[in-house]
Amino acid sequence: MAKKSVKHDPADGLIVGEVGRWAAEKHERLRKYIDAAGKARAKYVPPKGWATASYIELYSGAGRSLIEGTDRVIDGSALVAYKAAQSSAMPFTDLHLSDLEKVNSDAVAQRIKAFGGIAHSYCGPADRIVDSVLRALNPHGLHLAFLDPFSLGQLPFSIIEKMLKLRRMDMIVHVSLLDLQRNLDDYSSIGDPTLDNFAPGWRDAISVRQANAPLRAALIEYWLGLIRSLGSKPATGIPLVVGEQNQRLYWLVYLSSNPLGHKLWNSVQNLTGQRSLFG
């Protein structure tokens, strides 16, 4: 298989990733939520508070992305988040950004710096880097984590479990329905660890002797139940993002133990009346 060519942003010469057109929709929800939550962040940092308001990404990419099939380069989620907070009632006090590839980690950190910010940069698998990130966070602060992996295999439940040990950890999680639809037969076979890592214990709770659609629904509901058992609460508004051909791509799941967070998310998550989870 031919290796994909490395592409760069003409604006700064740094590497870019490639995304579908629907990435803008995901970013719009992130932007709106961060803007809406500005006053809440302000309560935790001086002069009103005495802690921090942090932003975390464990799959940050390079910070800028080329929309597939076009020449258009857009901000990645980390830059979207940084700019949204800067223009809101309260900027983030610290950013923690990581990617599996060092060239991406370096690029996103440089891009944040070019806009006047400083990002703590990490490189490595998310399930390992999460420990370093958590050690760097103020346990009394208010934190927002945006977890945006490409596949279920990159989202072991151990990451969510560790992050939710912090009392004020709000999360927006990309759960790939496309991956689950394409690979459910492989993932549910004995010996494949993907679903065991994504939703530990699922085999003892769910029968695989059912059609794929109810099996997918049961898996996601079981995963949401695991989250509830940790004391956090998935929002009722879980938008389903679809592609240009109406293909079902992924859900964005908001997690928080704070009712205000849920109120803010539900006020911004439905952009154009899209279907929601299991819709």
C-alpha atoms as a PDB file:
ATOM      1  CA  MET A   1       0.000   0.000   0.000  1.00  0.00           C
ATOM      2  CA  ALA A   2       1.348   3.408  -0.973  1.00  0.00           C
ATOM      3  CA  LYS A   3       2.220   5.634   1.929  1.00  0.00           C
ATOM      4  CA  LYS A   4       0.085   8.760   2.177  1.00  0.00           C
ATOM      5  CA  SER A   5       1.972  11.914   1.304  1.00  0.00           C
ATOM      6  CA  VAL A   6       2.677  14.375   4.088  1.00  0.00           C
ATOM      7  CA  LYS A   7       0.840  17.645   3.583  1.00  0.00           C
ATOM      8  CA  HIS A   8       1.549  21.067   5.001  1.00  0.00           C
ATOM      9  CA  ASP A   9      -0.392  24.247   5.618  1.00  0.00           C
ATOM     10  CA  PRO A  10       0.770  27.000   3.235  1.00  0.00           C
ATOM     11  CA  ALA A  11       0.019  29.537   5.968  1.00  0.00           C
ATOM     12  CA  ASP A  12       2.662  28.282   8.425  1.00  0.00           C
ATOM     13  CA  GLY A  13       4.506  25.425   6.726  1.00  0.00           C
ATOM     14  CA  LEU A  14       3.552  22.933   9.435  1.00  0.00           C
ATOM     15  CA  ILE A  15       2.056  19.501   8.903  1.00  0.00           C
ATOM     16  CA  VAL A  16      -1.711  19.060   8.603  1.00  0.00           C
ATOM     17  CA  GLY A  17      -3.991  16.085   9.062  1.00  0.00           C
ATOM     18  CA  GLU A  18      -6.936  15.224   6.822  1.00  0.00           C
ATOM     19  CA  VAL A  19     -10.582  15.262   7.917  1.00  0.00           C
ATOM     20  CA  GLY A  20     -14.018  14.922   6.379  1.00  0.00           C
ATOM     21  CA  ARG A  21     -16.314  17.895   5.827  1.00  0.00           C
ATOM     22  CA  TRP A  22     -18.321  16.919   8.897  1.00  0.00           C
ATOM     23  CA  ALA A  23     -15.428  17.901  11.200  1.00  0.00           C
ATOM     24  CA  ALA A  24     -16.698  21.471  11.095  1.00  0.00           C
ATOM     25  CA  GLU A  25     -19.950  20.334  12.719  1.00  0.00           C
ATOM     26  CA  LYS A  26     -18.063  18.672  15.565  1.00  0.00           C
ATOM     27  CA  HIS A  27     -15.955  21.789  16.045  1.00  0.00           C
ATOM     28  CA  GLU A  28     -19.021  24.019  16.096  1.00  0.00           C
ATOM     29  CA  ARG A  29     -20.448  22.110  19.071  1.00  0.00           C
ATOM     30  CA  LEU A  30     -17.119  22.318  20.866  1.00  0.00           C
ATOM     31  CA  ARG A  31     -16.862  26.044  20.173  1.00  0.00           C
ATOM     32  CA  LYS A  32     -20.381  26.775  21.346  1.00  0.00           C
ATOM     33  CA  TYR A  33     -20.000  24.751  24.537  1.00  0.00           C
ATOM     34  CA  ILE A  34     -16.711  26.415  25.482  1.00  0.00           C
ATOM     35  CA  ASP A  35     -18.225  29.849  24.907  1.00  0.00           C
ATOM     36  CA  ALA A  36     -21.324  28.976  26.945  1.00  0.00           C
ATOM     37  CA  ALA A  37     -19.193  27.644  29.819  1.00  0.00           C
ATOM     38  CA  GLY A  38     -16.984  30.735  30.110  1.00  0.00           C
ATOM     39  CA  LYS A  39     -18.707  32.133  33.202  1.00  0.00           C
ATOM     40  CA  ALA A  40     -18.497  28.744  34.912  1.00  0.00           C
ATOM     41  CA  ARG A  41     -14.730  28.605  34.285  1.00  0.00           C
ATOM     42  CA  ALA A  42     -14.324  32.103  35.702  1.00  0.00           C
ATOM     43  CA  LYS A  43     -15.529  30.906  39.113  1.00  0.00           C
ATOM     44  CA  TYR A  44     -12.451  28.677  39.486  1.00  0.00           C
ATOM     45  CA  VAL A  45      -9.634  31.093  38.661  1.00  0.00           C
ATOM     46  CA  PRO A  46      -8.478  34.377  40.194  1.00  0.00           C
ATOM     47  CA  PRO A  47      -9.849  36.841  41.062  1.00  0.00           C
ATOM     48  CA  LYS A  48     -13.083  34.924  41.795  1.00  0.00           C
ATOM     49  CA  GLY A  49     -11.604  31.494  42.436  1.00  0.00           C
ATOM     50  CA  TRP A  50      -8.334  29.937  43.524  1.00  0.00           C
ATOM     51  CA  ALA A  51      -7.815  27.026  41.138  1.00  0.00           C
ATOM     52  CA  THR A  52      -7.565  26.512  37.361  1.00  0.00           C
ATOM     53  CA  ALA A  53      -9.663  25.867  34.270  1.00  0.00           C
ATOM     54  CA  SER A  54      -7.909  23.294  32.104  1.00  0.00           C
ATOM     55  CA  TYR A  55      -8.428  21.879  28.609  1.00  0.00           C
ATOM     56  CA  ILE A  56      -7.207  18.405  27.657  1.00  0.00           C
ATOM     57  CA  GLU A  57      -6.886  16.509  24.379  1.00  0.00           C
ATOM     58  CA  LEU A  58      -5.209  13.103  24.127  1.00  0.00           C
ATOM     59  CA  TYR A  59      -5.678  12.784  20.347  1.00  0.00           C
ATOM     60  CA  SER A  60      -4.927  16.350  19.313  1.00  0.00           C
ATOM     61  CA  GLY A  61      -3.547  15.896  15.824  1.00  0.00           C
ATOM     62  CA  ALA A  62      -1.426  18.711  14.414  1.00  0.00           C
ATOM     63  CA  GLY A  63      -3.819  21.567  15.163  1.00  0.00           C
ATOM     64  CA  ARG A  64      -4.775  22.247  11.543  1.00  0.00           C
ATOM     65  CA  SER A  65      -6.490  19.931   9.071  1.00  0.00           C
ATOM     66  CA  LEU A  66      -7.072  19.678   5.336  1.00  0.00           C
ATOM     67  CA  ILE A  67     -10.640  18.856   4.362  1.00  0.00           C
ATOM     68  CA  GLU A  68     -10.472  15.778   2.165  1.00  0.00           C
ATOM     69  CA  GLY A  69     -10.983  16.424  -1.536  1.00  0.00           C
ATOM     70  CA  THR A  70     -10.416  20.168  -1.199  1.00  0.00           C
ATOM     71  CA  ASP A  71      -7.656  22.717  -0.722  1.00  0.00           C
ATOM     72  CA  ARG A  72      -9.340  24.129   2.385  1.00  0.00           C
ATOM     73  CA  VAL A  73      -7.359  24.014   5.640  1.00  0.00           C
ATOM     74  CA  ILE A  74      -9.262  24.518   8.897  1.00  0.00           C
ATOM     75  CA  ASP A  75      -8.373  24.737  12.570  1.00  0.00           C
ATOM     76  CA  GLY A  76      -8.279  21.455  14.440  1.00  0.00           C
ATOM     77  CA  SER A  77     -10.164  20.986  17.690  1.00  0.00           C
ATOM     78  CA  ALA A  78      -7.304  22.180  19.903  1.00  0.00           C
ATOM     79  CA  LEU A  79      -7.070  25.528  18.111  1.00  0.00           C
ATOM     80  CA  VAL A  80     -10.861  25.797  17.971  1.00  0.00           C
ATOM     81  CA  ALA A  81     -10.987  25.275  21.738  1.00  0.00           C
ATOM     82  CA  TYR A  82      -8.161  27.707  22.476  1.00  0.00           C
ATOM     83  CA  LYS A  83      -9.641  30.489  20.334  1.00  0.00           C
ATOM     84  CA  ALA A  84     -13.158  29.952  21.667  1.00  0.00           C
ATOM     85  CA  ALA A  85     -11.974  30.240  25.255  1.00  0.00           C
ATOM     86  CA  GLN A  86      -9.870  33.329  24.491  1.00  0.00           C
ATOM     87  CA  SER A  87     -12.904  35.119  23.075  1.00  0.00           C
ATOM     88  CA  SER A  88     -15.240  33.976  25.863  1.00  0.00           C
ATOM     89  CA  ALA A  89     -15.742  35.168  29.412  1.00  0.00           C
ATOM     90  CA  MET A  90     -12.766  33.085  30.588  1.00  0.00           C
ATOM     91  CA  PRO A  91      -9.741  31.645  28.725  1.00  0.00           C
ATOM     92  CA  PHE A  92      -8.353  28.283  29.796  1.00  0.00           C
ATOM     93  CA  THR A  93      -5.543  28.644  32.305  1.00  0.00           C
ATOM     94  CA  ASP A  94      -3.685  25.634  30.901  1.00  0.00           C
ATOM     95  CA  LEU A  95      -3.870  23.323  27.908  1.00  0.00           C
ATOM     96  CA  HIS A  96      -2.636  19.720  27.805  1.00  0.00           C
ATOM     97  CA  LEU A  97      -2.351  18.353  24.275  1.00  0.00           C
ATOM     98  CA  SER A  98      -1.057  14.977  23.164  1.00  0.00           C
ATOM     99  CA  ASP A  99      -0.796  12.893  20.021  1.00  0.00           C
ATOM    100  CA  LEU A 100       0.669   9.534  19.124  1.00  0.00           C
ATOM    101  CA  GLU A 101       3.001  11.192  16.591  1.00  0.00           C
ATOM    102  CA  LYS A 102       5.615  13.665  17.793  1.00  0.00           C
ATOM    103  CA  VAL A 103       5.414  15.698  14.595  1.00  0.00           C
ATOM    104  CA  ASN A 104       1.751  16.369  15.404  1.00  0.00           C
ATOM    105  CA  SER A 105       2.428  17.177  19.067  1.00  0.00           C
ATOM    106  CA  ASP A 106       5.140  19.630  18.071  1.00  0.00           C
ATOM    107  CA  ALA A 107       2.987  21.260  15.392  1.00  0.00           C
ATOM    108  CA  VAL A 108      -0.056  21.839  17.598  1.00  0.00           C
ATOM    109  CA  ALA A 109       2.118  23.306  20.362  1.00  0.00           C
ATOM    110  CA  GLN A 110       3.766  25.677  17.861  1.00  0.00           C
ATOM    111  CA  ARG A 111       0.407  26.767  16.554  1.00  0.00           C
ATOM    112  CA  ILE A 112      -0.954  27.514  20.016  1.00  0.00           C
ATOM    113  CA  LYS A 113       2.216  29.511  20.737  1.00  0.00           C
ATOM    114  CA  ALA A 114       1.762  31.509  17.526  1.00  0.00           C
ATOM    115  CA  PHE A 115      -1.579  32.718  18.893  1.00  0.00           C
ATOM    116  CA  GLY A 116      -0.061  33.748  22.202  1.00  0.00           C
ATOM    117  CA  GLY A 117      -0.776  30.613  24.226  1.00  0.00           C
ATOM    118  CA  ILE A 118       1.279  27.904  25.875  1.00  0.00           C
ATOM    119  CA  ALA A 119       0.360  24.244  25.679  1.00  0.00           C
ATOM    120  CA  HIS A 120       1.814  21.419  27.712  1.00  0.00           C
ATOM    121  CA  SER A 121       2.743  18.991  24.956  1.00  0.00           C
ATOM    122  CA  TYR A 122       2.870  15.188  25.246  1.00  0.00           C
ATOM    123  CA  CYS A 123       3.513  12.348  22.825  1.00  0.00           C
ATOM    124  CA  GLY A 124       2.494   8.701  23.062  1.00  0.00           C
ATOM    125  CA  PRO A 125      -0.462   6.344  23.364  1.00  0.00           C
ATOM    126  CA  ALA A 126      -3.415   7.995  25.075  1.00  0.00           C
ATOM    127  CA  ASP A 127      -3.801   5.246  27.690  1.00  0.00           C
ATOM    128  CA  ARG A 128      -0.242   5.916  28.840  1.00  0.00           C
ATOM    129  CA  ILE A 129      -0.117   9.704  28.481  1.00  0.00           C
ATOM    130  CA  VAL A 130      -3.303  10.167  30.504  1.00  0.00           C
ATOM    131  CA  ASP A 131      -1.361   9.444  33.709  1.00  0.00           C
ATOM    132  CA  SER A 132       1.144  12.235  33.004  1.00  0.00           C
ATOM    133  CA  VAL A 133      -1.642  14.670  32.160  1.00  0.00           C
ATOM    134  CA  LEU A 134      -3.594  13.911  35.318  1.00  0.00           C
ATOM    135  CA  ARG A 135      -0.510  14.449  37.492  1.00  0.00           C
ATOM    136  CA  ALA A 136      -0.142  17.913  35.955  1.00  0.00           C
ATOM    137  CA  LEU A 137      -3.742  19.024  36.624  1.00  0.00           C
ATOM    138  CA  ASN A 138      -4.908  20.975  39.642  1.00  0.00           C
ATOM    139  CA  PRO A 139      -7.236  18.550  41.485  1.00  0.00           C
ATOM    140  CA  HIS A 140      -9.381  21.491  42.610  1.00  0.00           C
ATOM    141  CA  GLY A 141      -9.787  22.971  39.135  1.00  0.00           C
ATOM    142  CA  LEU A 142     -12.491  22.716  36.504  1.00  0.00           C
ATOM    143  CA  HIS A 143     -11.422  20.572  33.566  1.00  0.00           C
ATOM    144  CA  LEU A 144     -12.754  19.894  30.073  1.00  0.00           C
ATOM    145  CA  ALA A 145     -11.427  16.925  28.120  1.00  0.00           C
ATOM    146  CA  PHE A 146     -12.195  16.438  24.446  1.00  0.00           C
ATOM    147  CA  LEU A 147     -11.517  12.821  23.460  1.00  0.00           C
ATOM    148  CA  ASP A 148     -11.569  12.446  19.686  1.00  0.00           C
ATOM    149  CA  PRO A 149     -10.024   9.106  18.650  1.00  0.00           C
ATOM    150  CA  PHE A 150     -10.368   7.603  15.183  1.00  0.00           C
ATOM    151  CA  SER A 151     -11.641   4.240  16.408  1.00  0.00           C
ATOM    152  CA  LEU A 152     -13.027   2.352  19.397  1.00  0.00           C
ATOM    153  CA  GLY A 153      -9.702   0.572  19.751  1.00  0.00           C
ATOM    154  CA  GLN A 154      -8.085   3.892  20.666  1.00  0.00           C
ATOM    155  CA  LEU A 155     -10.608   4.556  23.441  1.00  0.00           C
ATOM    156  CA  PRO A 156     -10.041   2.051  26.251  1.00  0.00           C
ATOM    157  CA  PHE A 157     -12.376   2.611  29.179  1.00  0.00           C
ATOM    158  CA  SER A 158      -9.381   2.920  31.510  1.00  0.00           C
ATOM    159  CA  ILE A 159      -8.815   6.445  30.134  1.00  0.00           C
ATOM    160  CA  ILE A 160     -12.310   7.605  31.034  1.00  0.00           C
ATOM    161  CA  GLU A 161     -12.160   5.825  34.386  1.00  0.00           C
ATOM    162  CA  LYS A 162      -8.928   7.574  35.346  1.00  0.00           C
ATOM    163  CA  MET A 163     -10.056  11.011  34.190  1.00  0.00           C
ATOM    164  CA  LEU A 164     -13.372  10.845  36.002  1.00  0.00           C
ATOM    165  CA  LYS A 165     -11.551  10.380  39.299  1.00  0.00           C
ATOM    166  CA  LEU A 166     -11.106  14.144  39.231  1.00  0.00           C
ATOM    167  CA  ARG A 167     -14.163  15.702  40.818  1.00  0.00           C
ATOM    168  CA  ARG A 168     -14.725  18.400  38.200  1.00  0.00           C
ATOM    169  CA  MET A 169     -13.866  16.624  34.966  1.00  0.00           C
ATOM    170  CA  ASP A 170     -16.302  17.296  32.136  1.00  0.00           C
ATOM    171  CA  MET A 171     -15.781  15.355  28.917  1.00  0.00           C
ATOM    172  CA  ILE A 172     -16.897  15.348  25.291  1.00  0.00           C
ATOM    173  CA  VAL A 173     -16.223  11.933  23.775  1.00  0.00           C
ATOM    174  CA  HIS A 174     -16.266  10.894  20.119  1.00  0.00           C
ATOM    175  CA  VAL A 175     -17.663   7.341  19.868  1.00  0.00           C
ATOM    176  CA  SER A 176     -17.246   5.907  16.380  1.00  0.00           C
ATOM    177  CA  LEU A 177     -20.485   4.311  15.205  1.00  0.00           C
ATOM    178  CA  LEU A 178     -18.935   3.786  11.767  1.00  0.00           C
ATOM    179  CA  ASP A 179     -16.188   1.647  13.308  1.00  0.00           C
ATOM    180  CA  LEU A 180     -18.722  -0.281  15.368  1.00  0.00           C
ATOM    181  CA  GLN A 181     -20.897  -0.950  12.315  1.00  0.00           C
ATOM    182  CA  ARG A 182     -18.046  -2.030  10.059  1.00  0.00           C
ATOM    183  CA  ASN A 183     -16.168  -4.176  12.539  1.00  0.00           C
ATOM    184  CA  LEU A 184     -18.710  -5.498  15.032  1.00  0.00           C
ATOM    185  CA  ASP A 185     -18.396  -9.094  13.846  1.00  0.00           C
ATOM    186  CA  ASP A 186     -14.612  -9.022  14.308  1.00  0.00           C
ATOM    187  CA  TYR A 187     -14.770  -7.103  17.576  1.00  0.00           C
ATOM    188  CA  SER A 188     -17.322  -9.467  19.122  1.00  0.00           C
ATOM    189  CA  SER A 189     -15.345 -12.595  18.246  1.00  0.00           C
ATOM    190  CA  ILE A 190     -13.489 -14.376  21.028  1.00  0.00           C
ATOM    191  CA  GLY A 191      -9.910 -13.162  21.264  1.00  0.00           C
ATOM    192  CA  ASP A 192     -10.382  -9.651  19.885  1.00  0.00           C
ATOM    193  CA  PRO A 193      -9.655  -7.212  22.751  1.00  0.00           C
ATOM    194  CA  THR A 194     -11.244  -4.074  21.237  1.00  0.00           C
ATOM    195  CA  LEU A 195     -14.642  -4.216  22.922  1.00  0.00           C
ATOM    196  CA  ASP A 196     -13.190  -5.759  26.080  1.00  0.00           C
ATOM    197  CA  ASN A 197     -11.042  -2.637  26.452  1.00  0.00           C
ATOM    198  CA  PHE A 198     -13.775  -0.226  25.350  1.00  0.00           C
ATOM    199  CA  ALA A 199     -16.468  -1.689  27.622  1.00  0.00           C
ATOM    200  CA  PRO A 200     -14.909  -4.065  30.169  1.00  0.00           C
ATOM    201  CA  GLY A 201     -17.180  -6.914  31.234  1.00  0.00           C
ATOM    202  CA  TRP A 202     -19.600  -6.587  28.340  1.00  0.00           C
ATOM    203  CA  ARG A 203     -19.412 -10.276  27.430  1.00  0.00           C
ATOM    204  CA  ASP A 204     -20.867 -11.217  30.817  1.00  0.00           C
ATOM    205  CA  ALA A 205     -23.755  -8.766  30.410  1.00  0.00           C
ATOM    206  CA  ILE A 206     -24.724  -8.943  26.723  1.00  0.00           C
ATOM    207  CA  SER A 207     -25.584 -11.862  24.487  1.00  0.00           C
ATOM    208  CA  VAL A 208     -23.867 -11.887  21.095  1.00  0.00           C
ATOM    209  CA  ARG A 209     -26.691 -14.072  19.771  1.00  0.00           C
ATOM    210  CA  GLN A 210     -28.722 -11.182  18.421  1.00  0.00           C
ATOM    211  CA  ALA A 211     -28.821  -9.030  15.319  1.00  0.00           C
ATOM    212  CA  ASN A 212     -26.113  -6.411  14.944  1.00  0.00           C
ATOM    213  CA  ALA A 213     -28.370  -3.381  15.448  1.00  0.00           C
ATOM    214  CA  PRO A 214     -29.668  -4.408  18.909  1.00  0.00           C
ATOM    215  CA  LEU A 215     -26.193  -5.675  19.811  1.00  0.00           C
ATOM    216  CA  ARG A 216     -24.706  -2.253  19.016  1.00  0.00           C
ATOM    217  CA  ALA A 217     -27.416  -0.535  21.045  1.00  0.00           C
ATOM    218  CA  ALA A 218     -26.833  -2.886  23.984  1.00  0.00           C
ATOM    219  CA  LEU A 219     -23.075  -2.289  23.873  1.00  0.00           C
ATOM    220  CA  ILE A 220     -23.412   1.488  23.949  1.00  0.00           C
ATOM    221  CA  GLU A 221     -26.019   1.387  26.711  1.00  0.00           C
ATOM    222  CA  TYR A 222     -23.720  -0.907  28.720  1.00  0.00           C
ATOM    223  CA  TRP A 223     -20.828   1.538  28.150  1.00  0.00           C
ATOM    224  CA  LEU A 224     -22.990   4.442  29.320  1.00  0.00           C
ATOM    225  CA  GLY A 225     -23.886   2.379  32.390  1.00  0.00           C
ATOM    226  CA  LEU A 226     -20.211   1.939  33.204  1.00  0.00           C
ATOM    227  CA  ILE A 227     -19.830   5.711  33.116  1.00  0.00           C
ATOM    228  CA  ARG A 228     -22.818   6.209  35.416  1.00  0.00           C
ATOM    229  CA  SER A 229     -21.288   3.737  37.876  1.00  0.00           C
ATOM    230  CA  LEU A 230     -18.314   6.118  38.219  1.00  0.00           C
ATOM    231  CA  GLY A 231     -20.543   8.943  39.431  1.00  0.00           C
ATOM    232  CA  SER A 232     -20.646  10.885  36.178  1.00  0.00           C
ATOM    233  CA  LYS A 233     -23.697  11.266  33.995  1.00  0.00           C
ATOM    234  CA  PRO A 234     -23.946  11.117  30.198  1.00  0.00           C
ATOM    235  CA  ALA A 235     -26.068  13.930  28.788  1.00  0.00           C
ATOM    236  CA  THR A 236     -29.452  13.102  27.323  1.00  0.00           C
ATOM    237  CA  GLY A 237     -28.466  15.060  24.233  1.00  0.00           C
ATOM    238  CA  ILE A 238     -26.130  12.722  22.304  1.00  0.00           C
ATOM    239  CA  PRO A 239     -26.014  13.960  18.707  1.00  0.00           C
ATOM    240  CA  LEU A 240     -25.449  11.521  15.878  1.00  0.00           C
ATOM    241  CA  VAL A 241     -23.206  12.975  13.169  1.00  0.00           C
ATOM    242  CA  VAL A 242     -23.803  11.781   9.619  1.00  0.00           C
ATOM    243  CA  GLY A 243     -21.764  12.140   6.439  1.00  0.00           C
ATOM    244  CA  GLU A 244     -22.609  13.640   3.066  1.00  0.00           C
ATOM    245  CA  GLN A 245     -24.278  10.410   1.948  1.00  0.00           C
ATOM    246  CA  ASN A 246     -26.245  10.239   5.218  1.00  0.00           C
ATOM    247  CA  GLN A 247     -23.910   7.540   6.518  1.00  0.00           C
ATOM    248  CA  ARG A 248     -23.942   7.259  10.318  1.00  0.00           C
ATOM    249  CA  LEU A 249     -20.486   8.292  11.531  1.00  0.00           C
ATOM    250  CA  TYR A 250     -20.237   8.899  15.253  1.00  0.00           C
ATOM    251  CA  TRP A 251     -21.871  10.109  18.442  1.00  0.00           C
ATOM    252  CA  LEU A 252     -20.627  12.972  20.617  1.00  0.00           C
ATOM    253  CA  VAL A 253     -21.219  12.010  24.243  1.00  0.00           C
ATOM    254  CA  TYR A 254     -21.014  14.676  26.930  1.00  0.00           C
ATOM    255  CA  LEU A 255     -20.176  13.527  30.474  1.00  0.00           C
ATOM    256  CA  SER A 256     -20.456  15.571  33.659  1.00  0.00           C
ATOM    257  CA  SER A 257     -21.569  15.280  37.261  1.00  0.00           C
ATOM    258  CA  ASN A 258     -22.642  18.940  37.192  1.00  0.00           C
ATOM    259  CA  PRO A 259     -26.258  19.790  36.214  1.00  0.00           C
ATOM    260  CA  LEU A 260     -25.099  23.165  34.872  1.00  0.00           C
ATOM    261  CA  GLY A 261     -22.759  21.417  32.443  1.00  0.00           C
ATOM    262  CA  HIS A 262     -25.654  19.340  31.133  1.00  0.00           C
ATOM    263  CA  LYS A 263     -27.813  22.442  30.757  1.00  0.00           C
ATOM    264  CA  LEU A 264     -25.094  24.196  28.756  1.00  0.00           C
ATOM    265  CA  TRP A 265     -24.408  21.174  26.553  1.00  0.00           C
ATOM    266  CA  ASN A 266     -28.060  20.567  25.777  1.00  0.00           C
ATOM    267  CA  SER A 267     -28.414  24.230  24.834  1.00  0.00           C
ATOM    268  CA  VAL A 268     -25.751  23.958  22.115  1.00  0.00           C
ATOM    269  CA  GLN A 269     -25.506  20.326  20.987  1.00  0.00           C
ATOM    270  CA  ASN A 270     -28.442  20.183  18.556  1.00  0.00           C
ATOM    271  CA  LEU A 271     -27.256  22.366  15.700  1.00  0.00           C
ATOM    272  CA  THR A 272     -29.810  21.590  12.996  1.00  0.00           C
ATOM    273  CA  GLY A 273     -32.228  19.057  14.437  1.00  0.00           C
ATOM    274  CA  GLN A 274     -30.000  16.027  13.821  1.00  0.00           C
ATOM    275  CA  ARG A 275     -30.831  12.591  15.053  1.00  0.00           C
ATOM    276  CA  SER A 276     -29.516  11.569  18.423  1.00  0.00           C
ATOM    277  CA  LEU A 277     -28.286   8.322  19.953  1.00  0.00           C
ATOM    278  CA  PHE A 278     -30.096   5.301  18.504  1.00  0.00           C
ATOM    279  CA  GLY A 279     -32.111   7.668  16.321  1.00  0.00           C
END
